[in-house]
Structure formats: C-alpha cells, structure tokens
Amino acid sequence: MARRKLRPMAEINVVPYIDVMLVLLVIFMITVPLLTQGVKVELPRADAEPVKDEAKRPLVVSVDRRGYFYITYDDDRTRRVGARELRREAEAIIATNPGIPVLVKGDRSVNYGRVVRAMVLLQAAGADSVGLLTEPGG
C-alpha cells in the first residue's frame, strides 16, 4: 500500500473575506446618510481673526429675546421677517452671491430652538455653512 504524501495547501479562500467586506459596505451605505442629516454649523474659534475688508459682506440673521427673526444684508438696514420670508430672501441673496458668509446671532435669553430653526431655514435656503456670532470676552 503506497502512502500519498500530503502537501500544504498554498491557496487562500477569499470568499469569506468578500462576504465580510460586502456586509461592511452595506452597513456604511445605510449609516452615512443618517449621520449627514441635521444642521451644519461652523462654530467660531476664540482666536479668530477679524474679517478682512475685501471679504464679502455677510448675511446676518438675528433672533431677539421674543424669538422674532431679523435679516441684515448689504445696506445695514435690519428688517423683521417671518420664517417663510427669511428662507425666501436668504435663498435669493445666497443664489446671487455664492460663497457669502452666513451668520446667526441670537439673544442670550432666547429659546435655543428658535436659533436652530433659523439655522435650518438658512441651510434649506442653500447656505453651505452657518456661523454663530458672539460677544467678545465670553
């Protein structure tokens, strides 16, 4: 009876690795869109430098202590607007001035939800990022 000599197998079965990769891909494809929903905000840094003169004039949305919205742009006149009018005007300003800085300043005693509402309206109007204005000296 002749004995056959067993040789080590030099192949790697990659099918299980492909299965794991596909499962991970599906998990990431499902979770990433859920993570990107919400309000995008770029918070100002404490050591921020002042805005340069050649920079575009910002669109500023204010929320007073009663929760009313005010819009200020270009001519430095501040007007009280409703939510629909804020979105419509911001959309027009952002469309004609791509890359314009968009800033929100809220009264210290205003409900946080009103400031977030203003930010959501600005994001829906096409603002890439929204900055928050604060008083210097914390």
N, C-alpha and C. Protein backbone atom coordinates (compact mmCIF):
# COMPACT_ATOMS: atom_id res chain seq x y z
N MET A 1 0.82 -1.16 0.00
CA MET A 1 0.00 0.00 0.00
C MET A 1 0.88 1.25 0.00
N ALA A 2 0.75 2.03 -1.01
CA ALA A 2 1.58 3.22 -1.16
C ALA A 2 0.91 4.39 -0.43
N ARG A 3 1.68 5.06 0.32
CA ARG A 3 1.16 6.22 1.06
C ARG A 3 1.38 7.48 0.28
N ARG A 4 0.31 8.27 0.19
CA ARG A 4 0.44 9.54 -0.52
C ARG A 4 0.94 10.59 0.44
N LYS A 5 1.85 11.36 -0.02
CA LYS A 5 2.41 12.43 0.81
C LYS A 5 1.48 13.65 0.73
N LEU A 6 1.05 14.18 1.87
CA LEU A 6 0.18 15.35 1.90
C LEU A 6 1.01 16.62 1.78
N ARG A 7 0.63 17.46 0.87
CA ARG A 7 1.34 18.72 0.68
C ARG A 7 0.51 19.85 1.30
N PRO A 8 1.16 20.87 1.82
CA PRO A 8 0.41 22.01 2.36
C PRO A 8 -0.30 22.76 1.22
N MET A 9 -1.50 23.25 1.51
CA MET A 9 -2.28 23.96 0.51
C MET A 9 -1.79 25.41 0.45
N ALA A 10 -1.47 25.91 -0.70
CA ALA A 10 -0.91 27.25 -0.87
C ALA A 10 -1.94 28.25 -1.36
N GLU A 11 -3.22 27.94 -1.26
CA GLU A 11 -4.26 28.84 -1.72
C GLU A 11 -5.00 29.42 -0.52
N ILE A 12 -5.46 30.64 -0.69
CA ILE A 12 -6.25 31.29 0.35
C ILE A 12 -7.66 31.44 -0.20
N ASN A 13 -8.62 31.02 0.57
CA ASN A 13 -10.02 31.16 0.17
C ASN A 13 -10.47 32.57 0.56
N VAL A 14 -10.69 33.44 -0.43
CA VAL A 14 -11.04 34.83 -0.17
C VAL A 14 -12.55 35.08 -0.14
N VAL A 15 -13.35 34.06 -0.40
CA VAL A 15 -14.80 34.24 -0.42
C VAL A 15 -15.33 34.73 0.93
N PRO A 16 -14.90 34.19 2.07
CA PRO A 16 -15.41 34.72 3.34
C PRO A 16 -15.02 36.19 3.55
N TYR A 17 -13.85 36.60 3.10
CA TYR A 17 -13.41 37.99 3.23
C TYR A 17 -14.28 38.92 2.37
N ILE A 18 -14.64 38.46 1.20
CA ILE A 18 -15.51 39.25 0.33
C ILE A 18 -16.88 39.40 0.97
N ASP A 19 -17.38 38.35 1.58
CA ASP A 19 -18.68 38.42 2.25
C ASP A 19 -18.65 39.45 3.38
N VAL A 20 -17.60 39.43 4.16
CA VAL A 20 -17.47 40.39 5.26
C VAL A 20 -17.38 41.81 4.72
N MET A 21 -16.62 42.02 3.66
CA MET A 21 -16.49 43.35 3.06
C MET A 21 -17.83 43.86 2.54
N LEU A 22 -18.61 43.01 1.92
CA LEU A 22 -19.91 43.42 1.40
C LEU A 22 -20.86 43.79 2.54
N VAL A 23 -20.82 43.04 3.64
CA VAL A 23 -21.66 43.38 4.79
C VAL A 23 -21.25 44.73 5.36
N LEU A 24 -19.95 44.98 5.49
CA LEU A 24 -19.48 46.27 5.99
C LEU A 24 -19.88 47.40 5.04
N LEU A 25 -19.78 47.17 3.76
CA LEU A 25 -20.16 48.18 2.78
C LEU A 25 -21.64 48.54 2.92
N VAL A 26 -22.48 47.54 3.08
CA VAL A 26 -23.92 47.80 3.25
C VAL A 26 -24.17 48.59 4.53
N ILE A 27 -23.49 48.23 5.61
CA ILE A 27 -23.67 48.95 6.88
C ILE A 27 -23.28 50.41 6.71
N PHE A 28 -22.15 50.70 6.08
CA PHE A 28 -21.72 52.08 5.88
C PHE A 28 -22.66 52.83 4.93
N MET A 29 -23.16 52.16 3.92
CA MET A 29 -24.07 52.82 2.99
C MET A 29 -25.38 53.22 3.68
N ILE A 30 -25.77 52.47 4.68
CA ILE A 30 -27.01 52.80 5.40
C ILE A 30 -26.78 53.88 6.45
N THR A 31 -25.66 53.83 7.16
CA THR A 31 -25.44 54.75 8.29
C THR A 31 -24.94 56.12 7.86
N VAL A 32 -24.19 56.26 6.81
CA VAL A 32 -23.63 57.56 6.42
C VAL A 32 -24.70 58.60 6.10
N PRO A 33 -25.74 58.29 5.34
CA PRO A 33 -26.77 59.32 5.13
C PRO A 33 -27.46 59.75 6.42
N LEU A 34 -27.58 58.88 7.39
CA LEU A 34 -28.19 59.25 8.66
C LEU A 34 -27.32 60.21 9.44
N LEU A 35 -26.01 60.10 9.30
CA LEU A 35 -25.09 60.97 10.02
C LEU A 35 -25.04 62.37 9.42
N THR A 36 -25.32 62.52 8.13
CA THR A 36 -25.19 63.83 7.49
C THR A 36 -26.44 64.68 7.62
N GLN A 37 -27.52 64.14 8.15
CA GLN A 37 -28.72 64.94 8.33
C GLN A 37 -28.55 65.81 9.56
N GLY A 38 -29.11 66.99 9.53
CA GLY A 38 -29.01 67.90 10.66
C GLY A 38 -28.52 69.26 10.20
N VAL A 39 -28.21 70.09 11.15
CA VAL A 39 -27.77 71.45 10.87
C VAL A 39 -26.25 71.47 10.85
N LYS A 40 -25.70 71.96 9.76
CA LYS A 40 -24.25 72.09 9.66
C LYS A 40 -23.85 73.45 10.21
N VAL A 41 -22.94 73.45 11.16
CA VAL A 41 -22.54 74.68 11.81
C VAL A 41 -21.03 74.71 11.92
N GLU A 42 -20.44 75.83 11.57
CA GLU A 42 -19.03 76.05 11.83
C GLU A 42 -18.94 77.07 12.96
N LEU A 43 -18.60 76.58 14.13
CA LEU A 43 -18.52 77.47 15.29
C LEU A 43 -17.28 78.33 15.21
N PRO A 44 -17.38 79.60 15.61
CA PRO A 44 -16.20 80.47 15.57
C PRO A 44 -15.19 80.07 16.64
N ARG A 45 -13.92 80.24 16.33
CA ARG A 45 -12.85 79.96 17.29
C ARG A 45 -12.62 81.18 18.18
N ALA A 46 -12.09 80.94 19.34
CA ALA A 46 -11.83 82.04 20.27
C ALA A 46 -10.72 82.95 19.74
N ASP A 47 -9.77 82.38 19.01
CA ASP A 47 -8.64 83.15 18.49
C ASP A 47 -8.87 83.59 17.05
N ALA A 48 -10.11 83.72 16.64
CA ALA A 48 -10.41 84.07 15.25
C ALA A 48 -9.95 85.49 14.94
N GLU A 49 -9.47 85.65 13.73
CA GLU A 49 -9.04 86.96 13.28
C GLU A 49 -10.24 87.72 12.73
N PRO A 50 -10.21 89.05 12.78
CA PRO A 50 -11.33 89.81 12.24
C PRO A 50 -11.48 89.60 10.73
N VAL A 51 -12.69 89.82 10.24
CA VAL A 51 -12.97 89.68 8.82
C VAL A 51 -12.22 90.76 8.05
N LYS A 52 -11.56 90.37 6.97
CA LYS A 52 -10.80 91.32 6.16
C LYS A 52 -11.74 92.21 5.35
N ASP A 53 -11.27 93.39 5.01
CA ASP A 53 -12.10 94.35 4.28
C ASP A 53 -12.53 93.85 2.91
N GLU A 54 -11.66 93.03 2.25
CA GLU A 54 -12.01 92.59 0.91
C GLU A 54 -12.97 91.40 0.92
N ALA A 55 -13.29 90.88 2.09
CA ALA A 55 -14.21 89.76 2.18
C ALA A 55 -15.63 90.24 1.85
N LYS A 56 -16.46 89.29 1.41
CA LYS A 56 -17.85 89.63 1.10
C LYS A 56 -18.58 90.03 2.37
N ARG A 57 -19.51 90.94 2.23
CA ARG A 57 -20.33 91.34 3.38
C ARG A 57 -21.21 90.18 3.75
N PRO A 58 -21.36 89.89 5.03
CA PRO A 58 -22.13 88.71 5.43
C PRO A 58 -23.63 88.96 5.43
N LEU A 59 -24.36 87.87 5.34
CA LEU A 59 -25.79 87.87 5.58
C LEU A 59 -25.96 87.52 7.06
N VAL A 60 -26.57 88.42 7.82
CA VAL A 60 -26.72 88.22 9.26
C VAL A 60 -28.19 88.06 9.59
N VAL A 61 -28.51 86.98 10.28
CA VAL A 61 -29.87 86.72 10.77
C VAL A 61 -29.83 86.80 12.28
N SER A 62 -30.68 87.66 12.83
CA SER A 62 -30.73 87.84 14.28
C SER A 62 -32.03 87.25 14.83
N VAL A 63 -31.95 86.73 16.06
CA VAL A 63 -33.12 86.22 16.75
C VAL A 63 -33.19 86.97 18.09
N ASP A 64 -34.24 87.77 18.28
CA ASP A 64 -34.32 88.56 19.51
C ASP A 64 -34.89 87.72 20.66
N ARG A 65 -34.98 88.33 21.83
CA ARG A 65 -35.38 87.58 23.02
C ARG A 65 -36.81 87.04 22.93
N ARG A 66 -37.66 87.62 22.08
CA ARG A 66 -39.02 87.11 21.89
C ARG A 66 -39.08 86.03 20.81
N GLY A 67 -37.97 85.79 20.10
CA GLY A 67 -37.93 84.75 19.08
C GLY A 67 -38.23 85.22 17.68
N TYR A 68 -38.30 86.54 17.47
CA TYR A 68 -38.54 87.07 16.12
C TYR A 68 -37.26 87.05 15.31
N PHE A 69 -37.39 86.81 13.99
CA PHE A 69 -36.24 86.80 13.08
C PHE A 69 -36.06 88.18 12.47
N TYR A 70 -34.79 88.58 12.31
CA TYR A 70 -34.42 89.82 11.64
C TYR A 70 -33.32 89.51 10.65
N ILE A 71 -33.36 90.16 9.50
CA ILE A 71 -32.36 89.93 8.47
C ILE A 71 -31.64 91.24 8.17
N THR A 72 -30.30 91.16 8.08
CA THR A 72 -29.47 92.31 7.76
C THR A 72 -28.53 91.91 6.62
N TYR A 73 -28.53 92.72 5.56
CA TYR A 73 -27.64 92.45 4.44
C TYR A 73 -27.34 93.73 3.69
N ASP A 74 -26.11 93.89 3.29
CA ASP A 74 -25.58 94.92 2.40
C ASP A 74 -25.84 96.35 2.84
N ASP A 75 -27.09 96.78 2.93
CA ASP A 75 -27.33 98.19 3.23
C ASP A 75 -27.42 98.47 4.73
N ASP A 76 -27.11 97.46 5.54
CA ASP A 76 -27.09 97.58 7.01
C ASP A 76 -28.44 97.94 7.61
N ARG A 77 -29.51 97.81 6.86
CA ARG A 77 -30.83 98.00 7.44
C ARG A 77 -31.33 96.65 7.92
N THR A 78 -31.86 96.61 9.13
CA THR A 78 -32.37 95.37 9.70
C THR A 78 -33.88 95.37 9.60
N ARG A 79 -34.42 94.27 9.05
CA ARG A 79 -35.87 94.16 8.89
C ARG A 79 -36.35 92.90 9.59
N ARG A 80 -37.50 93.00 10.22
CA ARG A 80 -38.12 91.84 10.85
C ARG A 80 -38.83 91.04 9.76
N VAL A 81 -38.61 89.70 9.77
CA VAL A 81 -39.20 88.83 8.77
C VAL A 81 -39.76 87.58 9.44
N GLY A 82 -40.70 86.95 8.77
CA GLY A 82 -41.23 85.67 9.22
C GLY A 82 -40.36 84.54 8.70
N ALA A 83 -40.67 83.32 9.10
CA ALA A 83 -39.86 82.17 8.70
C ALA A 83 -39.85 81.97 7.19
N ARG A 84 -41.00 82.04 6.55
CA ARG A 84 -41.06 81.85 5.09
C ARG A 84 -40.31 82.95 4.36
N GLU A 85 -40.49 84.20 4.82
CA GLU A 85 -39.82 85.33 4.18
C GLU A 85 -38.31 85.25 4.39
N LEU A 86 -37.88 84.78 5.56
CA LEU A 86 -36.44 84.61 5.83
C LEU A 86 -35.85 83.62 4.84
N ARG A 87 -36.50 82.49 4.66
CA ARG A 87 -35.97 81.48 3.73
C ARG A 87 -35.95 82.01 2.30
N ARG A 88 -37.03 82.68 1.89
CA ARG A 88 -37.12 83.19 0.52
C ARG A 88 -36.04 84.25 0.26
N GLU A 89 -35.87 85.19 1.18
CA GLU A 89 -34.87 86.24 0.98
C GLU A 89 -33.45 85.69 1.05
N ALA A 90 -33.21 84.79 2.00
CA ALA A 90 -31.88 84.19 2.11
C ALA A 90 -31.54 83.39 0.86
N GLU A 91 -32.51 82.70 0.32
CA GLU A 91 -32.30 81.93 -0.91
C GLU A 91 -31.89 82.84 -2.06
N ALA A 92 -32.57 83.99 -2.18
CA ALA A 92 -32.25 84.93 -3.26
C ALA A 92 -30.86 85.54 -3.06
N ILE A 93 -30.52 85.89 -1.83
CA ILE A 93 -29.21 86.51 -1.56
C ILE A 93 -28.09 85.50 -1.80
N ILE A 94 -28.26 84.26 -1.33
CA ILE A 94 -27.23 83.23 -1.49
C ILE A 94 -27.08 82.85 -2.96
N ALA A 95 -28.18 82.83 -3.72
CA ALA A 95 -28.10 82.48 -5.15
C ALA A 95 -27.34 83.54 -5.94
N THR A 96 -27.52 84.82 -5.58
CA THR A 96 -26.84 85.88 -6.32
C THR A 96 -25.43 86.14 -5.81
N ASN A 97 -25.10 85.65 -4.60
CA ASN A 97 -23.77 85.84 -4.02
C ASN A 97 -23.22 84.51 -3.51
N PRO A 98 -22.79 83.62 -4.39
CA PRO A 98 -22.27 82.32 -3.93
C PRO A 98 -21.06 82.51 -3.02
N GLY A 99 -21.01 81.73 -1.96
CA GLY A 99 -19.89 81.81 -1.03
C GLY A 99 -20.02 82.91 0.00
N ILE A 100 -21.16 83.55 0.08
CA ILE A 100 -21.36 84.63 1.04
C ILE A 100 -21.34 84.06 2.46
N PRO A 101 -20.68 84.73 3.41
CA PRO A 101 -20.73 84.26 4.80
C PRO A 101 -22.13 84.45 5.37
N VAL A 102 -22.63 83.43 6.03
CA VAL A 102 -23.95 83.48 6.65
C VAL A 102 -23.77 83.34 8.15
N LEU A 103 -24.25 84.33 8.91
CA LEU A 103 -24.05 84.36 10.35
C LEU A 103 -25.38 84.48 11.07
N VAL A 104 -25.46 83.86 12.24
CA VAL A 104 -26.65 83.93 13.08
C VAL A 104 -26.24 84.48 14.44
N LYS A 105 -27.01 85.45 14.93
CA LYS A 105 -26.77 85.92 16.29
C LYS A 105 -28.09 85.87 17.04
N GLY A 106 -28.04 85.19 18.17
CA GLY A 106 -29.25 85.00 18.97
C GLY A 106 -29.09 85.66 20.32
N ASP A 107 -30.18 86.20 20.83
CA ASP A 107 -30.18 86.80 22.15
C ASP A 107 -29.87 85.74 23.19
N ARG A 108 -29.19 86.12 24.25
CA ARG A 108 -28.78 85.18 25.28
C ARG A 108 -29.97 84.47 25.92
N SER A 109 -31.11 85.16 26.02
CA SER A 109 -32.26 84.58 26.71
C SER A 109 -33.27 83.92 25.77
N VAL A 110 -32.99 83.88 24.46
CA VAL A 110 -33.94 83.28 23.53
C VAL A 110 -33.88 81.76 23.64
N ASN A 111 -35.01 81.13 23.35
CA ASN A 111 -35.09 79.67 23.34
C ASN A 111 -34.13 79.14 22.27
N TYR A 112 -33.31 78.17 22.64
CA TYR A 112 -32.32 77.61 21.73
C TYR A 112 -32.97 77.07 20.45
N GLY A 113 -34.18 76.56 20.56
CA GLY A 113 -34.88 76.02 19.39
C GLY A 113 -35.11 77.06 18.31
N ARG A 114 -35.31 78.31 18.69
CA ARG A 114 -35.52 79.37 17.70
C ARG A 114 -34.24 79.63 16.90
N VAL A 115 -33.09 79.59 17.56
CA VAL A 115 -31.82 79.77 16.86
C VAL A 115 -31.59 78.60 15.90
N VAL A 116 -31.87 77.39 16.35
CA VAL A 116 -31.72 76.22 15.49
C VAL A 116 -32.68 76.32 14.31
N ARG A 117 -33.89 76.82 14.53
CA ARG A 117 -34.86 76.99 13.45
C ARG A 117 -34.32 77.94 12.38
N ALA A 118 -33.70 79.04 12.82
CA ALA A 118 -33.10 79.98 11.88
C ALA A 118 -31.99 79.30 11.08
N MET A 119 -31.19 78.48 11.74
CA MET A 119 -30.10 77.79 11.06
C MET A 119 -30.63 76.78 10.04
N VAL A 120 -31.70 76.08 10.39
CA VAL A 120 -32.31 75.12 9.46
C VAL A 120 -32.87 75.85 8.24
N LEU A 121 -33.52 76.99 8.45
CA LEU A 121 -34.05 77.77 7.33
C LEU A 121 -32.93 78.24 6.41
N LEU A 122 -31.82 78.68 6.99
CA LEU A 122 -30.69 79.13 6.18
C LEU A 122 -30.06 77.97 5.41
N GLN A 123 -29.98 76.81 6.04
CA GLN A 123 -29.44 75.65 5.35
C GLN A 123 -30.36 75.25 4.20
N ALA A 124 -31.67 75.31 4.42
CA ALA A 124 -32.63 75.00 3.36
C ALA A 124 -32.56 76.02 2.23
N ALA A 125 -32.14 77.24 2.55
CA ALA A 125 -32.01 78.29 1.53
C ALA A 125 -30.74 78.13 0.71
N GLY A 126 -29.85 77.22 1.10
CA GLY A 126 -28.65 76.97 0.31
C GLY A 126 -27.35 77.39 0.95
N ALA A 127 -27.36 77.78 2.22
CA ALA A 127 -26.12 78.17 2.89
C ALA A 127 -25.24 76.94 3.11
N ASP A 128 -23.98 77.02 2.67
CA ASP A 128 -23.05 75.91 2.86
C ASP A 128 -22.68 75.73 4.32
N SER A 129 -22.48 76.85 5.01
CA SER A 129 -22.13 76.80 6.42
C SER A 129 -22.73 78.02 7.11
N VAL A 130 -23.00 77.87 8.39
CA VAL A 130 -23.60 78.93 9.16
C VAL A 130 -22.73 79.17 10.38
N GLY A 131 -22.31 80.43 10.58
CA GLY A 131 -21.50 80.78 11.74
C GLY A 131 -22.36 81.43 12.82
N LEU A 132 -21.91 81.35 14.05
CA LEU A 132 -22.60 81.96 15.17
C LEU A 132 -21.80 83.16 15.65
N LEU A 133 -22.50 84.28 15.86
CA LEU A 133 -21.85 85.50 16.37
C LEU A 133 -21.97 85.51 17.88
N THR A 134 -20.89 85.93 18.55
CA THR A 134 -20.89 86.06 20.00
C THR A 134 -20.26 87.38 20.38
N GLU A 135 -20.47 87.76 21.62
CA GLU A 135 -19.81 88.94 22.16
C GLU A 135 -18.37 88.58 22.51
N PRO A 136 -17.41 89.47 22.27
CA PRO A 136 -16.04 89.16 22.65
C PRO A 136 -15.91 89.15 24.18
N GLY A 137 -15.02 88.34 24.67
CA GLY A 137 -14.74 88.30 26.10
C GLY A 137 -15.60 87.31 26.86
N GLY A 138 -16.36 86.47 26.16
CA GLY A 138 -17.07 85.36 26.73
C GLY A 138 -18.07 85.65 27.74
